[in-house]
Amino acid sequence: MIWNGKSGIVSHSVDWTEDAEGQVNNAYRRPISAAISVESSLLTVVYRGQDILVWDIESNAVYETYAKETGANRHSAATISVTAFVTGGLVFSSDLSANLLSASYSDGDLVVFDITEGTVKEKTLVYAQILASSSNGRTLAAADSTGRIQLFDFETHRLLNSISADDYGIKSLAFSGDSSRLLDIRGAKCRVWDPTALLRPDEVDESSDTVSVFTLPQETMLESTDDASLITALACHPNGGSLFCGKADGGVYLYEGSSGLENQKLFNHANNVTVVALFYDSQSSILSSVDSSSRVMCHKLVPQDQTWRVDGPLFDHRVGTAIDQILCKNGGM
């Protein structure tokens, strides 16, 4: 069905499962995957065990069917049963002039079709399950079942970057609007990647003998974050150079504002009792903290050469009710 985006009303519906005689052919099948190119007015749909069907949205007719080995079937009958079929990865290049379609197959092959010529342009063994095109259409991201993400030049399949993480189950991939970052969702977490491979020059001479960061594949390895403690409270020093962070492990830490890196652990509430609120008074240099057990603590912080000295606690009290926020008057207690 096709909806009018402004009115929300179904403008018309089509059924590409009808055969030449007009009879419904397996109308109750569910497609494995679909992709749309708004600029080209093309919609691709794939069913298990069959070739890729490309539908022309403007004319409401079959545009072409594509086989893995030969490309376009040139309006001949699509293969009803194939040995390798699309497993879910199916995406158009966002480059308006490229007219490229990428599909990942059950035998591990990643295939790029040239829609204009109707040919198989490139084929690479990747075992991808999820595909995404960058906003400029130049980069193809492919994620496999082990949690690895590979970045390719969409047209040539030249490997640009390989990202490995020791947690599995990538649910989704997407590029930022400027194509400089890649986002993935694994479980309840969303990660943002900014590999330098995405910052490619507009024009790259593939035949050049010059070796640069843009021509050699890069590798990124992320260690497990299962043991990492989440930041649950935040306070900033007025100069912007220091950040005070409370964590789920009960600790309060000092971070560098310029780099975002942890500098030192300042003090600790009870182990694994989450710090829920922080307040820093610059006049007195007192940092107040509250944890999930309603315990309130105040410490005086004295900056030294590369670290901060912690005096106190000046105040340590547990309130009988839950505390969500803390404020202190200027100049101290």
Protein backbone atom coordinates (compact mmCIF):
# COMPACT_ATOMS: atom_id res chain seq x y z
CA MET A 1 0.00 0.00 0.00
CA ILE A 2 1.11 3.56 -0.70
CA TRP A 3 0.11 6.30 1.74
CA ASN A 4 -0.11 10.03 1.18
CA GLY A 5 2.41 11.43 3.67
CA LYS A 6 0.42 14.63 4.29
CA SER A 7 -3.09 13.22 4.63
CA GLY A 8 -2.21 9.76 5.96
CA ILE A 9 -4.70 8.24 3.50
CA VAL A 10 -3.93 5.21 1.33
CA SER A 11 -3.62 6.58 -2.19
CA HIS A 12 -3.54 3.19 -3.87
CA SER A 13 -2.38 -0.38 -3.42
CA VAL A 14 -0.66 -2.84 -5.72
CA ASP A 15 -0.05 -6.59 -5.69
CA TRP A 16 3.13 -7.80 -7.37
CA THR A 17 2.40 -11.40 -6.38
CA GLU A 18 -0.09 -11.77 -9.22
CA ASP A 19 1.22 -13.77 -12.17
CA ALA A 20 0.60 -13.07 -15.86
CA GLU A 21 -2.83 -14.69 -15.73
CA GLY A 22 -3.90 -12.40 -12.93
CA GLN A 23 -4.12 -15.17 -10.35
CA VAL A 24 -2.73 -14.57 -6.90
CA ASN A 25 0.57 -16.42 -6.59
CA ASN A 26 1.37 -17.25 -2.96
CA ALA A 27 -0.27 -14.05 -1.77
CA TYR A 28 0.18 -14.94 1.87
CA ARG A 29 3.98 -15.16 1.74
CA ARG A 30 5.90 -12.74 3.87
CA PRO A 31 8.83 -10.92 2.25
CA ILE A 32 12.24 -11.41 3.85
CA SER A 33 13.33 -7.87 3.13
CA ALA A 34 12.48 -4.74 1.16
CA ALA A 35 14.26 -1.55 0.19
CA ILE A 36 13.09 1.62 -1.48
CA SER A 37 14.78 4.28 -3.58
CA VAL A 38 12.54 7.33 -3.50
CA GLU A 39 14.68 9.19 -6.01
CA SER A 40 14.47 6.35 -8.57
CA SER A 41 10.87 5.44 -7.63
CA LEU A 42 11.94 1.81 -7.24
CA LEU A 43 10.96 -0.70 -4.58
CA THR A 44 12.76 -4.02 -4.15
CA VAL A 45 11.21 -7.03 -2.43
CA VAL A 46 12.66 -10.48 -1.88
CA TYR A 47 10.98 -13.72 -0.83
CA ARG A 48 12.75 -16.77 0.53
CA GLY A 49 14.09 -18.98 -2.24
CA GLN A 50 13.42 -16.49 -5.06
CA ASP A 51 15.19 -13.79 -7.03
CA ILE A 52 14.99 -10.10 -6.15
CA LEU A 53 11.90 -8.36 -7.51
CA VAL A 54 12.24 -4.67 -8.43
CA TRP A 55 8.97 -2.76 -8.66
CA ASP A 56 8.47 0.55 -10.49
CA ILE A 57 6.37 2.69 -8.15
CA GLU A 58 5.45 5.26 -10.79
CA SER A 59 4.09 2.81 -13.36
CA ASN A 60 2.86 0.21 -10.82
CA ALA A 61 4.58 -2.56 -12.74
CA VAL A 62 7.47 -4.97 -12.41
CA TYR A 63 10.66 -3.14 -13.37
CA GLU A 64 12.96 -6.17 -13.35
CA THR A 65 13.95 -9.27 -11.43
CA TYR A 66 17.58 -9.85 -10.41
CA ALA A 67 19.44 -13.13 -10.04
CA LYS A 68 22.61 -13.44 -8.00
CA GLU A 69 24.82 -14.80 -10.79
CA THR A 70 23.47 -13.05 -13.88
CA GLY A 71 21.90 -9.81 -12.71
CA ALA A 72 18.76 -8.67 -14.51
CA ASN A 73 16.61 -11.43 -15.98
CA ARG A 74 15.64 -9.05 -18.81
CA HIS A 75 11.94 -9.55 -18.20
CA SER A 76 12.20 -13.32 -18.41
CA ALA A 77 10.53 -15.41 -15.73
CA ALA A 78 12.14 -15.13 -12.30
CA THR A 79 13.75 -18.20 -10.81
CA ILE A 80 11.24 -19.89 -8.53
CA SER A 81 13.84 -21.77 -6.51
CA VAL A 82 17.43 -20.64 -6.05
CA THR A 83 20.35 -22.20 -4.20
CA ALA A 84 21.37 -18.94 -2.49
CA PHE A 85 18.83 -16.33 -1.48
CA VAL A 86 18.86 -12.91 0.15
CA THR A 87 18.97 -13.28 3.93
CA GLY A 88 17.72 -9.83 4.89
CA GLY A 89 20.44 -7.39 3.85
CA LEU A 90 19.07 -5.28 0.99
CA VAL A 91 19.80 -1.59 0.38
CA PHE A 92 20.03 0.99 -2.40
CA SER A 93 22.96 3.39 -2.62
CA SER A 94 21.88 6.89 -1.61
CA ASP A 95 23.97 8.32 -4.45
CA LEU A 96 21.43 9.50 -7.05
CA SER A 97 23.82 8.97 -9.95
CA ALA A 98 25.02 5.50 -8.96
CA ASN A 99 21.83 3.39 -9.28
CA LEU A 100 23.37 0.59 -7.21
CA LEU A 101 21.61 -2.10 -5.19
CA SER A 102 23.44 -4.26 -2.63
CA ALA A 103 22.16 -7.60 -1.35
CA SER A 104 23.60 -10.16 1.08
CA TYR A 105 23.02 -13.85 0.30
CA SER A 106 22.71 -17.00 2.40
CA ASP A 107 26.01 -18.41 1.06
CA GLY A 108 27.89 -15.36 2.40
CA ASP A 109 28.23 -13.39 -0.82
CA LEU A 110 27.62 -9.64 -0.82
CA VAL A 111 26.55 -8.62 -4.32
CA VAL A 112 26.23 -5.15 -5.82
CA PHE A 113 23.95 -4.78 -8.85
CA ASP A 114 24.08 -1.94 -11.35
CA ILE A 115 20.38 -1.17 -11.85
CA THR A 116 21.01 0.94 -14.96
CA GLU A 117 23.04 -1.73 -16.77
CA GLY A 118 21.29 -4.70 -15.17
CA THR A 119 24.61 -6.33 -14.31
CA VAL A 120 26.43 -7.79 -11.33
CA LYS A 121 29.03 -5.13 -10.53
CA GLU A 122 30.89 -6.65 -7.57
CA LYS A 123 30.76 -9.76 -5.40
CA THR A 124 32.52 -10.26 -2.03
CA LEU A 125 32.37 -12.97 0.63
CA VAL A 126 31.17 -11.18 3.77
CA TYR A 127 28.35 -13.17 5.48
CA ALA A 128 26.48 -9.95 6.18
CA GLN A 129 23.07 -9.91 7.83
CA ILE A 130 22.40 -6.17 8.01
CA LEU A 131 23.33 -3.52 5.44
CA ALA A 132 23.25 0.28 5.48
CA SER A 133 24.20 2.96 2.96
CA SER A 134 25.82 6.23 3.96
CA SER A 135 23.85 9.39 3.21
CA ASN A 136 26.20 10.31 0.38
CA GLY A 137 25.92 6.80 -1.07
CA ARG A 138 29.68 6.19 -1.13
CA THR A 139 30.01 3.81 1.83
CA LEU A 140 28.32 0.49 2.52
CA ALA A 141 28.22 -0.87 6.08
CA ALA A 142 27.78 -4.64 6.53
CA ALA A 143 27.25 -6.33 9.91
CA ASP A 144 27.55 -10.09 10.50
CA SER A 145 26.36 -12.44 13.24
CA THR A 146 29.62 -12.15 15.24
CA GLY A 147 29.11 -8.42 15.83
CA ARG A 148 31.71 -7.32 13.28
CA ILE A 149 30.99 -4.33 11.05
CA GLN A 150 32.83 -3.87 7.76
CA LEU A 151 32.84 -0.63 5.78
CA PHE A 152 33.18 -0.88 2.00
CA ASP A 153 33.28 1.50 -0.90
CA PHE A 154 29.74 0.92 -2.19
CA GLU A 155 30.70 0.73 -5.87
CA THR A 156 34.04 -1.13 -5.80
CA HIS A 157 33.67 -3.18 -2.58
CA ARG A 158 37.10 -1.97 -1.47
CA LEU A 159 37.38 -2.64 2.27
CA LEU A 160 37.81 0.62 4.19
CA ASN A 161 37.44 -0.35 7.84
CA SER A 162 36.67 -3.36 10.03
CA ILE A 163 35.08 -2.80 13.46
CA SER A 164 35.11 -5.69 15.92
CA ALA A 165 33.43 -5.88 19.30
CA ASP A 166 33.14 -8.88 21.59
CA ASP A 167 29.41 -8.54 22.07
CA TYR A 168 27.01 -9.92 19.47
CA GLY A 169 23.51 -9.24 18.24
CA ILE A 170 23.56 -6.10 16.09
CA LYS A 171 19.92 -5.13 15.58
CA SER A 172 20.28 -2.10 13.35
CA LEU A 173 22.79 0.10 11.48
CA ALA A 174 22.45 3.71 10.36
CA PHE A 175 24.70 6.54 9.20
CA SER A 176 24.52 10.14 10.38
CA GLY A 177 23.17 12.74 7.99
CA ASP A 178 26.66 13.95 7.04
CA SER A 179 27.97 10.35 6.57
CA SER A 180 30.80 10.96 9.07
CA ARG A 181 29.50 8.61 11.78
CA LEU A 182 27.98 5.17 12.00
CA LEU A 183 25.47 4.09 14.65
CA ASP A 184 24.70 0.53 15.71
CA ILE A 185 22.22 -0.93 18.19
CA ARG A 186 23.22 -3.99 20.24
CA GLY A 187 20.83 -5.05 22.96
CA ALA A 188 19.86 -1.94 24.95
CA LYS A 189 22.92 0.07 23.83
CA CYS A 190 23.50 2.39 20.89
CA ARG A 191 27.11 3.00 19.88
CA VAL A 192 28.37 5.85 17.70
CA TRP A 193 31.49 5.18 15.60
CA ASP A 194 33.53 7.82 13.78
CA PRO A 195 36.29 5.96 11.91
CA THR A 196 38.59 8.11 9.81
CA ALA A 197 37.72 5.89 6.83
CA LEU A 198 34.42 7.79 6.57
CA LEU A 199 36.29 11.07 6.08
CA ARG A 200 37.41 10.22 2.58
CA PRO A 201 38.29 12.92 0.02
CA ASP A 202 35.62 13.64 -2.58
CA GLU A 203 37.83 12.25 -5.32
CA VAL A 204 40.13 9.26 -4.76
CA ASP A 205 42.40 7.94 -7.50
CA GLU A 206 42.01 4.18 -7.10
CA SER A 207 44.97 3.55 -9.46
CA SER A 208 47.36 5.78 -7.53
CA ASP A 209 50.48 4.17 -6.08
CA THR A 210 50.40 6.58 -3.13
CA VAL A 211 49.68 4.76 0.12
CA SER A 212 47.60 6.77 2.57
CA VAL A 213 45.17 6.36 5.44
CA PHE A 214 42.37 6.40 2.88
CA THR A 215 43.65 3.45 0.81
CA LEU A 216 44.64 0.94 3.50
CA PRO A 217 41.92 -0.93 5.41
CA GLN A 218 41.76 0.06 9.05
CA GLU A 219 40.79 -2.06 12.05
CA THR A 220 38.97 -0.98 15.20
CA MET A 221 38.64 -3.27 18.21
CA LEU A 222 36.30 -2.50 21.10
CA GLU A 223 36.81 -4.37 24.33
CA SER A 224 33.85 -5.60 26.35
CA THR A 225 32.06 -2.98 28.43
CA ASP A 226 30.24 -5.49 30.62
CA ASP A 227 32.40 -4.54 33.63
CA ALA A 228 32.12 -0.80 33.04
CA SER A 229 30.11 1.22 35.53
CA LEU A 230 27.57 3.63 34.10
CA ILE A 231 27.71 7.35 34.84
CA THR A 232 24.52 8.25 36.75
CA ALA A 233 25.17 11.83 37.94
CA LEU A 234 27.15 14.78 36.58
CA ALA A 235 28.38 18.17 37.77
CA CYS A 236 30.69 20.58 35.93
CA HIS A 237 33.41 22.88 37.19
CA PRO A 238 32.74 26.49 36.05
CA ASN A 239 36.00 26.58 34.07
CA GLY A 240 34.81 23.69 31.91
CA GLY A 241 38.09 21.84 32.36
CA SER A 242 36.83 19.31 34.89
CA LEU A 243 33.75 17.10 35.18
CA PHE A 244 32.58 15.35 38.34
CA CYS A 245 30.82 12.07 37.63
CA GLY A 246 28.91 9.81 39.99
CA LYS A 247 28.59 6.18 38.93
CA ALA A 248 26.46 3.13 39.56
CA ASP A 249 29.32 1.50 41.50
CA GLY A 250 29.03 4.15 44.22
CA GLY A 251 32.16 6.07 43.24
CA VAL A 252 32.62 9.74 42.37
CA TYR A 253 35.24 10.41 39.69
CA LEU A 254 37.05 13.34 38.09
CA TYR A 255 37.09 13.53 34.28
CA GLU A 256 39.00 15.85 31.95
CA GLY A 257 36.61 18.17 30.13
CA SER A 258 38.80 18.49 27.03
CA SER A 259 39.40 14.79 26.41
CA GLY A 260 36.52 13.14 28.27
CA LEU A 261 39.00 10.76 29.92
CA GLU A 262 38.89 9.69 33.56
CA ASN A 263 41.54 11.45 35.68
CA GLN A 264 41.07 10.02 39.18
CA LYS A 265 38.64 8.53 41.65
CA LEU A 266 37.78 11.15 44.28
CA PHE A 267 35.83 9.22 46.91
CA ASN A 268 33.30 6.46 47.33
CA HIS A 269 29.82 5.92 48.75
CA ALA A 270 28.95 2.32 49.67
CA ASN A 271 29.97 -0.23 47.02
CA ASN A 272 27.43 -0.62 44.21
CA VAL A 273 25.07 1.97 45.74
CA THR A 274 24.31 4.27 42.81
CA VAL A 275 25.19 7.96 43.06
CA VAL A 276 22.05 9.76 41.87
CA ALA A 277 22.90 13.49 42.24
CA LEU A 278 25.89 15.84 42.44
CA PHE A 279 26.29 19.56 43.11
CA TYR A 280 29.54 21.53 43.02
CA ASP A 281 29.86 24.95 44.68
CA SER A 282 32.81 26.80 43.14
CA GLN A 283 33.11 29.41 45.90
CA SER A 284 33.69 26.87 48.64
CA SER A 285 35.03 24.07 46.40
CA ILE A 286 32.58 21.68 48.08
CA LEU A 287 31.15 18.76 46.12
CA SER A 288 27.88 17.37 47.51
CA SER A 289 26.71 13.90 46.51
CA VAL A 290 23.62 11.77 47.08
CA ASP A 291 23.22 8.02 46.54
CA SER A 292 20.18 5.79 46.04
CA SER A 293 20.03 4.98 49.76
CA SER A 294 19.41 8.72 50.48
CA ARG A 295 22.89 9.20 51.93
CA VAL A 296 24.22 12.75 51.57
CA MET A 297 27.96 13.49 51.67
CA CYS A 298 29.97 16.70 51.28
CA HIS A 299 33.68 16.85 50.47
CA LYS A 300 36.04 19.77 49.94
CA LEU A 301 38.15 19.49 46.80
CA VAL A 302 41.55 21.17 46.52
CA PRO A 303 43.19 21.21 43.05
CA GLN A 304 46.88 20.33 42.97
CA ASP A 305 49.37 19.77 40.12
CA GLN A 306 47.76 16.89 38.23
CA THR A 307 45.23 15.66 40.80
CA TRP A 308 42.74 16.96 43.33
CA ARG A 309 43.04 16.48 47.09
CA VAL A 310 39.85 15.42 48.83
CA ASP A 311 39.16 16.58 52.41
CA GLY A 312 36.32 15.15 54.46
CA PRO A 313 33.63 14.12 54.44
CA LEU A 314 32.57 17.41 55.99
CA PHE A 315 29.00 16.12 56.14
CA ASP A 316 27.66 12.55 56.07
CA HIS A 317 23.98 11.87 56.78
CA ARG A 318 21.29 9.51 55.59
CA VAL A 319 17.82 11.03 55.06
CA GLY A 320 14.72 8.93 55.62
CA THR A 321 13.13 9.74 52.25
CA ALA A 322 14.29 9.42 48.64
CA ILE A 323 16.31 12.33 47.23
CA ASP A 324 16.25 13.23 43.53
CA GLN A 325 18.24 16.49 43.55
CA ILE A 326 20.57 18.49 45.78
CA LEU A 327 21.41 22.22 45.94
CA CYS A 328 23.74 24.18 48.23
CA LYS A 329 23.99 27.90 48.97
CA ASN A 330 26.92 29.79 47.50
CA GLY A 331 29.98 29.87 49.68
CA GLY A 332 29.58 26.60 51.54
CA MET A 333 27.56 24.89 54.18
